[in-house]
Amino acid sequence: MANSFSFNGIDMLAYGVIVTSHNIPDCKKDITTIQLKDRAYSGDTKRGAKRLHLTCFIEGSDVSDIRDKLDDVIKIIDAGNCRLVVDGTGRYYNAEFEDRSSGNYFPTYWQGTITFLCPDPLAYSTTETSSDFNIDADPKTITETVGGTAITKPVWTLTAGETLSDVTIKLENVTTGEELQWTGSLVDEDELEIDSQNWTVKKNSVSAMTITGEFPRLIAGSNSIKVTALSTTGTLNITYRDAYA
């Protein structure tokens, strides 16, 4: 790709689309306030859905060719919520096509704006991070340093190195205070997958929701992670993408 965008893995440059400007990375929070006579207090904050406006032009041999290319582009991007990557950003949004301006037609190109709505306002790195650690102490504390600017929700995979009967394994992000506890038994090479994005726990790919607590997440920066009751022969893998507000 070059100065264009892809949607659902399809490069729009193949359809003559060039992105000339966009509003990435706009950042906004909705803040609730309580107004008194002489001062105001802030309440809950949240990040609402984000709109991405891509100013584009589409090259063609004539107006008819341009219209055909526009039709093809709309058929591709009107496919629901999919991954949107704008060239040069190194990030993707989970976005849905919302609007195409009527724009301006010229003899060999069209210029206008294509708008996407992102119910999830965060952007994510196009590069996945995967970190592996040996659990050689009980408890074992390791440090994971995360890029980006926002909280990310990783997949944690704990692999047993021996038989563990009727144990309560604890996975805690000490930095945030979020801890999940799983109770059960494992044998050598059993995998316990904790998916903090989808709130699921699986043992060897089978649902195993014998849990208490909350799913631990990662903040941007340094995270102190503690694993308890996996003995001293297991491993931990953390897989995630840096998130950006």
C-alpha atoms as a PDB file:
ATOM      1  CA  MET A   1       0.000   0.000   0.000  1.00  0.00           C
ATOM      2  CA  ALA A   2       1.070   3.625  -0.506  1.00  0.00           C
ATOM      3  CA  ASN A   3      -0.973   6.669   0.529  1.00  0.00           C
ATOM      4  CA  SER A   4      -4.175   4.654   0.530  1.00  0.00           C
ATOM      5  CA  PHE A   5      -5.988   2.374   2.996  1.00  0.00           C
ATOM      6  CA  SER A   6      -7.033  -1.232   3.347  1.00  0.00           C
ATOM      7  CA  PHE A   7     -10.348  -2.566   4.605  1.00  0.00           C
ATOM      8  CA  ASN A   8     -10.914  -6.156   5.640  1.00  0.00           C
ATOM      9  CA  GLY A   9      -7.473  -6.949   4.222  1.00  0.00           C
ATOM     10  CA  ILE A  10      -8.223  -5.484   0.773  1.00  0.00           C
ATOM     11  CA  ASP A  11      -5.900  -2.770  -0.549  1.00  0.00           C
ATOM     12  CA  MET A  12      -7.918   0.153  -1.909  1.00  0.00           C
ATOM     13  CA  LEU A  13      -4.994   1.363  -3.999  1.00  0.00           C
ATOM     14  CA  ALA A  14      -5.940  -1.381  -6.462  1.00  0.00           C
ATOM     15  CA  TYR A  15      -9.129   0.628  -7.095  1.00  0.00           C
ATOM     16  CA  GLY A  16      -7.280   3.908  -7.603  1.00  0.00           C
ATOM     17  CA  VAL A  17      -8.003   5.271  -4.090  1.00  0.00           C
ATOM     18  CA  ILE A  18      -5.488   7.802  -2.729  1.00  0.00           C
ATOM     19  CA  VAL A  19      -5.885   9.253   0.783  1.00  0.00           C
ATOM     20  CA  THR A  20      -4.867  12.915   0.833  1.00  0.00           C
ATOM     21  CA  SER A  21      -5.762  13.672   4.482  1.00  0.00           C
ATOM     22  CA  HIS A  22      -7.439  12.152   7.539  1.00  0.00           C
ATOM     23  CA  ASN A  23      -8.231  12.966  11.169  1.00  0.00           C
ATOM     24  CA  ILE A  24      -6.161  10.143  12.725  1.00  0.00           C
ATOM     25  CA  PRO A  25      -5.203  10.231  15.577  1.00  0.00           C
ATOM     26  CA  ASP A  26      -7.981  12.394  17.035  1.00  0.00           C
ATOM     27  CA  CYS A  27      -8.388  11.756  20.771  1.00  0.00           C
ATOM     28  CA  LYS A  28     -11.466  12.705  22.773  1.00  0.00           C
ATOM     29  CA  LYS A  29     -13.162  11.809  26.068  1.00  0.00           C
ATOM     30  CA  ASP A  30     -16.746  12.461  27.151  1.00  0.00           C
ATOM     31  CA  ILE A  31     -16.683  13.932  30.670  1.00  0.00           C
ATOM     32  CA  THR A  32     -19.776  14.235  32.881  1.00  0.00           C
ATOM     33  CA  THR A  33     -19.801  17.369  35.031  1.00  0.00           C
ATOM     34  CA  ILE A  34     -21.861  18.598  37.966  1.00  0.00           C
ATOM     35  CA  GLN A  35     -22.257  22.365  37.907  1.00  0.00           C
ATOM     36  CA  LEU A  36     -22.647  24.313  41.166  1.00  0.00           C
ATOM     37  CA  LYS A  37     -22.896  28.054  41.607  1.00  0.00           C
ATOM     38  CA  ASP A  38     -19.202  28.815  41.750  1.00  0.00           C
ATOM     39  CA  ARG A  39     -17.523  25.640  40.571  1.00  0.00           C
ATOM     40  CA  ALA A  40     -17.994  22.350  38.740  1.00  0.00           C
ATOM     41  CA  TYR A  41     -16.996  18.776  39.510  1.00  0.00           C
ATOM     42  CA  SER A  42     -16.078  16.104  36.996  1.00  0.00           C
ATOM     43  CA  GLY A  43     -17.812  12.753  37.163  1.00  0.00           C
ATOM     44  CA  ASP A  44     -17.552   9.632  35.064  1.00  0.00           C
ATOM     45  CA  THR A  45     -15.492   9.707  31.887  1.00  0.00           C
ATOM     46  CA  LYS A  46     -15.738   7.487  28.839  1.00  0.00           C
ATOM     47  CA  ARG A  47     -14.546   7.334  25.280  1.00  0.00           C
ATOM     48  CA  GLY A  48     -17.404   7.394  22.828  1.00  0.00           C
ATOM     49  CA  ALA A  49     -17.465   6.032  19.308  1.00  0.00           C
ATOM     50  CA  LYS A  50     -14.956   7.666  16.961  1.00  0.00           C
ATOM     51  CA  ARG A  51     -15.529   8.854  13.399  1.00  0.00           C
ATOM     52  CA  LEU A  52     -12.703   8.633  10.905  1.00  0.00           C
ATOM     53  CA  HIS A  53     -12.898  10.961   7.924  1.00  0.00           C
ATOM     54  CA  LEU A  54     -10.689  10.040   4.970  1.00  0.00           C
ATOM     55  CA  THR A  55     -10.370  12.651   2.247  1.00  0.00           C
ATOM     56  CA  CYS A  56      -9.704  10.681  -0.927  1.00  0.00           C
ATOM     57  CA  PHE A  57      -9.454  10.921  -4.642  1.00  0.00           C
ATOM     58  CA  ILE A  58      -9.909   8.141  -7.133  1.00  0.00           C
ATOM     59  CA  GLU A  59      -8.123   8.160 -10.454  1.00  0.00           C
ATOM     60  CA  GLY A  60      -9.711   6.796 -13.621  1.00  0.00           C
ATOM     61  CA  SER A  61      -9.607   7.002 -17.386  1.00  0.00           C
ATOM     62  CA  ASP A  62     -12.929   8.873 -17.545  1.00  0.00           C
ATOM     63  CA  VAL A  63     -16.025   9.631 -15.436  1.00  0.00           C
ATOM     64  CA  SER A  64     -17.604   6.262 -16.233  1.00  0.00           C
ATOM     65  CA  ASP A  65     -14.472   4.420 -15.111  1.00  0.00           C
ATOM     66  CA  ILE A  66     -14.335   6.483 -11.919  1.00  0.00           C
ATOM     67  CA  ARG A  67     -17.968   5.670 -11.093  1.00  0.00           C
ATOM     68  CA  ASP A  68     -17.315   1.969 -11.616  1.00  0.00           C
ATOM     69  CA  LYS A  69     -14.337   2.136  -9.256  1.00  0.00           C
ATOM     70  CA  LEU A  70     -16.394   4.014  -6.664  1.00  0.00           C
ATOM     71  CA  ASP A  71     -19.073   1.334  -6.875  1.00  0.00           C
ATOM     72  CA  ASP A  72     -16.427  -1.354  -6.353  1.00  0.00           C
ATOM     73  CA  VAL A  73     -14.999   0.497  -3.354  1.00  0.00           C
ATOM     74  CA  ILE A  74     -18.415   0.837  -1.723  1.00  0.00           C
ATOM     75  CA  LYS A  75     -19.162  -2.870  -2.230  1.00  0.00           C
ATOM     76  CA  ILE A  76     -15.920  -3.715  -0.431  1.00  0.00           C
ATOM     77  CA  ILE A  77     -16.142  -1.298   2.501  1.00  0.00           C
ATOM     78  CA  ASP A  78     -19.878  -1.822   3.092  1.00  0.00           C
ATOM     79  CA  ALA A  79     -19.130  -5.198   4.702  1.00  0.00           C
ATOM     80  CA  GLY A  80     -19.816  -4.471   8.364  1.00  0.00           C
ATOM     81  CA  ASN A  81     -17.298  -3.961  11.145  1.00  0.00           C
ATOM     82  CA  CYS A  82     -13.840  -4.833   9.780  1.00  0.00           C
ATOM     83  CA  ARG A  83     -10.206  -3.896  10.200  1.00  0.00           C
ATOM     84  CA  LEU A  84      -9.298  -0.496   8.701  1.00  0.00           C
ATOM     85  CA  VAL A  85      -5.630   0.409   8.179  1.00  0.00           C
ATOM     86  CA  VAL A  86      -4.576   3.802   6.804  1.00  0.00           C
ATOM     87  CA  ASP A  87      -1.125   3.750   5.216  1.00  0.00           C
ATOM     88  CA  GLY A  88       1.703   5.100   7.326  1.00  0.00           C
ATOM     89  CA  THR A  89      -0.099   4.895  10.693  1.00  0.00           C
ATOM     90  CA  GLY A  90       1.000   1.398  11.755  1.00  0.00           C
ATOM     91  CA  ARG A  91      -2.391   1.039  13.458  1.00  0.00           C
ATOM     92  CA  TYR A  92      -5.809  -0.358  12.691  1.00  0.00           C
ATOM     93  CA  TYR A  93      -9.356   0.451  13.799  1.00  0.00           C
ATOM     94  CA  ASN A  94     -12.350  -1.847  13.985  1.00  0.00           C
ATOM     95  CA  ALA A  95     -14.495   0.310  11.741  1.00  0.00           C
ATOM     96  CA  GLU A  96     -17.740   0.314   9.804  1.00  0.00           C
ATOM     97  CA  PHE A  97     -18.497   2.333   6.677  1.00  0.00           C
ATOM     98  CA  GLU A  98     -20.930   5.150   7.443  1.00  0.00           C
ATOM     99  CA  ASP A  99     -20.954   7.736   4.656  1.00  0.00           C
ATOM    100  CA  ARG A 100     -19.500   8.802   1.315  1.00  0.00           C
ATOM    101  CA  SER A 101     -19.836  12.424   0.346  1.00  0.00           C
ATOM    102  CA  SER A 102     -21.107  13.184  -3.134  1.00  0.00           C
ATOM    103  CA  GLY A 103     -17.739  14.823  -3.767  1.00  0.00           C
ATOM    104  CA  ASN A 104     -16.581  16.370  -7.017  1.00  0.00           C
ATOM    105  CA  TYR A 105     -16.144  14.653 -10.363  1.00  0.00           C
ATOM    106  CA  PHE A 106     -13.396  15.759 -12.719  1.00  0.00           C
ATOM    107  CA  PRO A 107     -12.453  14.340 -16.126  1.00  0.00           C
ATOM    108  CA  THR A 108      -9.953  11.828 -14.686  1.00  0.00           C
ATOM    109  CA  TYR A 109     -10.580  11.729 -10.925  1.00  0.00           C
ATOM    110  CA  TRP A 110     -13.139  12.006  -8.105  1.00  0.00           C
ATOM    111  CA  GLN A 111     -12.452  13.830  -4.846  1.00  0.00           C
ATOM    112  CA  GLY A 112     -14.535  13.433  -1.689  1.00  0.00           C
ATOM    113  CA  THR A 113     -14.706  12.081   1.866  1.00  0.00           C
ATOM    114  CA  ILE A 114     -15.298   8.540   3.068  1.00  0.00           C
ATOM    115  CA  THR A 115     -16.387   8.289   6.708  1.00  0.00           C
ATOM    116  CA  PHE A 116     -16.119   5.283   9.023  1.00  0.00           C
ATOM    117  CA  LEU A 117     -17.622   4.830  12.490  1.00  0.00           C
ATOM    118  CA  CYS A 118     -15.572   3.020  15.144  1.00  0.00           C
ATOM    119  CA  PRO A 119     -17.771   1.822  18.048  1.00  0.00           C
ATOM    120  CA  ASP A 120     -14.496   0.801  19.713  1.00  0.00           C
ATOM    121  CA  PRO A 121     -12.630   4.123  19.662  1.00  0.00           C
ATOM    122  CA  LEU A 122      -9.179   2.626  20.265  1.00  0.00           C
ATOM    123  CA  ALA A 123      -6.597   1.972  17.580  1.00  0.00           C
ATOM    124  CA  TYR A 124      -4.392  -1.129  17.725  1.00  0.00           C
ATOM    125  CA  SER A 125      -0.889  -1.837  16.496  1.00  0.00           C
ATOM    126  CA  THR A 126      -0.710  -3.804  13.274  1.00  0.00           C
ATOM    127  CA  THR A 127       2.156  -5.720  14.933  1.00  0.00           C
ATOM    128  CA  GLU A 128       1.292  -8.319  17.580  1.00  0.00           C
ATOM    129  CA  THR A 129       3.498  -8.656  20.662  1.00  0.00           C
ATOM    130  CA  SER A 130       4.146 -12.115  22.122  1.00  0.00           C
ATOM    131  CA  SER A 131       6.241 -12.417  25.310  1.00  0.00           C
ATOM    132  CA  ASP A 132       7.377 -15.699  26.907  1.00  0.00           C
ATOM    133  CA  PHE A 133       8.474 -16.223  30.514  1.00  0.00           C
ATOM    134  CA  ASN A 134       9.685 -19.221  32.507  1.00  0.00           C
ATOM    135  CA  ILE A 135       7.786 -19.706  35.761  1.00  0.00           C
ATOM    136  CA  ASP A 136      10.693 -20.998  37.858  1.00  0.00           C
ATOM    137  CA  ALA A 137       9.544 -19.780  41.268  1.00  0.00           C
ATOM    138  CA  ASP A 138       6.300 -19.859  43.236  1.00  0.00           C
ATOM    139  CA  PRO A 139       5.065 -17.192  43.262  1.00  0.00           C
ATOM    140  CA  LYS A 140       6.859 -15.767  40.228  1.00  0.00           C
ATOM    141  CA  THR A 141       6.821 -12.041  39.419  1.00  0.00           C
ATOM    142  CA  ILE A 142       7.802 -10.766  35.979  1.00  0.00           C
ATOM    143  CA  THR A 143       7.672  -7.366  34.260  1.00  0.00           C
ATOM    144  CA  GLU A 144       5.951  -6.676  30.944  1.00  0.00           C
ATOM    145  CA  THR A 145       6.480  -3.240  29.371  1.00  0.00           C
ATOM    146  CA  VAL A 146       3.696  -2.224  26.996  1.00  0.00           C
ATOM    147  CA  GLY A 147       3.702   0.476  24.336  1.00  0.00           C
ATOM    148  CA  GLY A 148       0.781   2.593  23.174  1.00  0.00           C
ATOM    149  CA  THR A 149      -1.287   5.000  25.253  1.00  0.00           C
ATOM    150  CA  ALA A 150      -4.285   2.936  26.400  1.00  0.00           C
ATOM    151  CA  ILE A 151      -5.167  -0.220  28.332  1.00  0.00           C
ATOM    152  CA  THR A 152      -4.906  -3.435  26.313  1.00  0.00           C
ATOM    153  CA  LYS A 153      -6.612  -6.776  26.928  1.00  0.00           C
ATOM    154  CA  PRO A 154      -4.188  -9.641  26.312  1.00  0.00           C
ATOM    155  CA  VAL A 155      -4.444 -13.386  25.978  1.00  0.00           C
ATOM    156  CA  TRP A 156      -2.493 -15.101  28.775  1.00  0.00           C
ATOM    157  CA  THR A 157      -1.424 -18.718  28.228  1.00  0.00           C
ATOM    158  CA  LEU A 158      -0.175 -20.648  31.249  1.00  0.00           C
ATOM    159  CA  THR A 159       1.443 -24.001  30.437  1.00  0.00           C
ATOM    160  CA  ALA A 160       1.988 -26.583  33.166  1.00  0.00           C
ATOM    161  CA  GLY A 161       5.351 -28.323  33.459  1.00  0.00           C
ATOM    162  CA  GLU A 162       4.153 -31.062  35.798  1.00  0.00           C
ATOM    163  CA  THR A 163       0.998 -32.501  37.381  1.00  0.00           C
ATOM    164  CA  LEU A 164      -0.874 -30.009  39.553  1.00  0.00           C
ATOM    165  CA  SER A 165      -3.866 -31.457  41.417  1.00  0.00           C
ATOM    166  CA  ASP A 166      -6.723 -29.381  42.852  1.00  0.00           C
ATOM    167  CA  VAL A 167      -4.829 -26.090  42.748  1.00  0.00           C
ATOM    168  CA  THR A 168      -5.966 -22.472  42.654  1.00  0.00           C
ATOM    169  CA  ILE A 169      -3.753 -20.700  40.133  1.00  0.00           C
ATOM    170  CA  LYS A 170      -3.610 -16.934  40.503  1.00  0.00           C
ATOM    171  CA  LEU A 171      -2.739 -14.480  37.744  1.00  0.00           C
ATOM    172  CA  GLU A 172      -2.392 -10.911  38.994  1.00  0.00           C
ATOM    173  CA  ASN A 173      -1.373  -7.610  37.478  1.00  0.00           C
ATOM    174  CA  VAL A 174       0.085  -6.127  40.657  1.00  0.00           C
ATOM    175  CA  THR A 175       0.289  -2.711  38.991  1.00  0.00           C
ATOM    176  CA  THR A 176      -3.484  -2.482  38.465  1.00  0.00           C
ATOM    177  CA  GLY A 177      -4.624  -4.784  41.281  1.00  0.00           C
ATOM    178  CA  GLU A 178      -6.585  -7.006  38.872  1.00  0.00           C
ATOM    179  CA  GLU A 179      -6.397 -10.707  39.732  1.00  0.00           C
ATOM    180  CA  LEU A 180      -8.043 -13.834  38.302  1.00  0.00           C
ATOM    181  CA  GLN A 181      -8.122 -17.154  40.146  1.00  0.00           C
ATOM    182  CA  TRP A 182      -8.695 -20.514  38.432  1.00  0.00           C
ATOM    183  CA  THR A 183      -9.337 -23.734  40.346  1.00  0.00           C
ATOM    184  CA  GLY A 184      -8.747 -27.184  38.883  1.00  0.00           C
ATOM    185  CA  SER A 185      -6.095 -29.734  37.948  1.00  0.00           C
ATOM    186  CA  LEU A 186      -3.442 -29.777  35.221  1.00  0.00           C
ATOM    187  CA  VAL A 187      -0.938 -32.283  33.917  1.00  0.00           C
ATOM    188  CA  ASP A 188       2.356 -31.692  32.120  1.00  0.00           C
ATOM    189  CA  GLU A 189       1.899 -29.510  28.969  1.00  0.00           C
ATOM    190  CA  ASP A 190      -1.750 -28.656  29.710  1.00  0.00           C
ATOM    191  CA  GLU A 191      -2.524 -25.105  28.570  1.00  0.00           C
ATOM    192  CA  LEU A 192      -4.735 -22.666  30.449  1.00  0.00           C
ATOM    193  CA  GLU A 193      -5.779 -19.789  28.162  1.00  0.00           C
ATOM    194  CA  ILE A 194      -7.126 -16.626  29.803  1.00  0.00           C
ATOM    195  CA  ASP A 195      -8.604 -14.231  27.222  1.00  0.00           C
ATOM    196  CA  SER A 196      -9.105 -10.806  28.811  1.00  0.00           C
ATOM    197  CA  GLN A 197     -10.716  -9.403  25.652  1.00  0.00           C
ATOM    198  CA  ASN A 198     -13.493 -11.981  25.397  1.00  0.00           C
ATOM    199  CA  TRP A 199     -13.720 -12.896  29.124  1.00  0.00           C
ATOM    200  CA  THR A 200     -13.125 -16.601  28.544  1.00  0.00           C
ATOM    201  CA  VAL A 201     -10.916 -19.223  30.181  1.00  0.00           C
ATOM    202  CA  LYS A 202     -10.090 -22.457  28.340  1.00  0.00           C
ATOM    203  CA  LYS A 203      -8.145 -25.549  29.336  1.00  0.00           C
ATOM    204  CA  ASN A 204      -6.675 -27.164  26.234  1.00  0.00           C
ATOM    205  CA  SER A 205      -9.168 -25.185  24.081  1.00  0.00           C
ATOM    206  CA  VAL A 206     -12.187 -26.357  26.138  1.00  0.00           C
ATOM    207  CA  SER A 207     -14.153 -23.893  28.274  1.00  0.00           C
ATOM    208  CA  ALA A 208     -13.029 -24.064  31.927  1.00  0.00           C
ATOM    209  CA  MET A 209     -14.717 -21.175  33.719  1.00  0.00           C
ATOM    210  CA  THR A 210     -14.029 -22.275  37.316  1.00  0.00           C
ATOM    211  CA  ILE A 211     -12.862 -18.770  38.123  1.00  0.00           C
ATOM    212  CA  THR A 212     -13.200 -15.882  40.539  1.00  0.00           C
ATOM    213  CA  GLY A 213     -11.908 -12.317  40.409  1.00  0.00           C
ATOM    214  CA  GLU A 214     -11.458 -10.152  37.330  1.00  0.00           C
ATOM    215  CA  PHE A 215      -9.620 -10.531  34.059  1.00  0.00           C
ATOM    216  CA  PRO A 216      -6.251  -8.759  34.271  1.00  0.00           C
ATOM    217  CA  ARG A 217      -5.383  -6.159  31.666  1.00  0.00           C
ATOM    218  CA  LEU A 218      -2.175  -4.304  30.767  1.00  0.00           C
ATOM    219  CA  ILE A 219      -1.609  -0.570  31.045  1.00  0.00           C
ATOM    220  CA  ALA A 220       0.741   1.376  28.783  1.00  0.00           C
ATOM    221  CA  GLY A 221       4.148   1.282  30.457  1.00  0.00           C
ATOM    222  CA  SER A 222       5.533  -1.133  33.037  1.00  0.00           C
ATOM    223  CA  ASN A 223       3.336  -3.913  34.443  1.00  0.00           C
ATOM    224  CA  SER A 224       4.296  -6.180  37.347  1.00  0.00           C
ATOM    225  CA  ILE A 225       2.716  -9.609  36.776  1.00  0.00           C
ATOM    226  CA  LYS A 226       2.567 -12.296  39.494  1.00  0.00           C
ATOM    227  CA  VAL A 227       1.789 -15.975  38.890  1.00  0.00           C
ATOM    228  CA  THR A 228       0.988 -18.168  41.890  1.00  0.00           C
ATOM    229  CA  ALA A 229       0.568 -21.970  42.202  1.00  0.00           C
ATOM    230  CA  LEU A 230       1.907 -22.929  38.749  1.00  0.00           C
ATOM    231  CA  SER A 231       4.814 -24.540  40.633  1.00  0.00           C
ATOM    232  CA  THR A 232       8.342 -23.908  39.299  1.00  0.00           C
ATOM    233  CA  THR A 233       8.339 -25.684  35.935  1.00  0.00           C
ATOM    234  CA  GLY A 234       5.662 -23.895  33.925  1.00  0.00           C
ATOM    235  CA  THR A 235       5.661 -21.061  31.388  1.00  0.00           C
ATOM    236  CA  LEU A 236       3.631 -17.939  30.684  1.00  0.00           C
ATOM    237  CA  ASN A 237       2.947 -16.398  27.280  1.00  0.00           C
ATOM    238  CA  ILE A 238       1.360 -12.928  26.959  1.00  0.00           C
ATOM    239  CA  THR A 239      -0.016 -11.965  23.540  1.00  0.00           C
ATOM    240  CA  TYR A 240      -1.484  -8.532  22.779  1.00  0.00           C
ATOM    241  CA  ARG A 241      -1.408  -5.484  20.548  1.00  0.00           C
ATOM    242  CA  ASP A 242      -0.449  -2.022  21.781  1.00  0.00           C
ATOM    243  CA  ALA A 243      -3.582   0.126  22.055  1.00  0.00           C
ATOM    244  CA  TYR A 244      -3.905   3.853  21.332  1.00  0.00           C
ATOM    245  CA  ALA A 245      -6.560   6.290  22.558  1.00  0.00           C
END
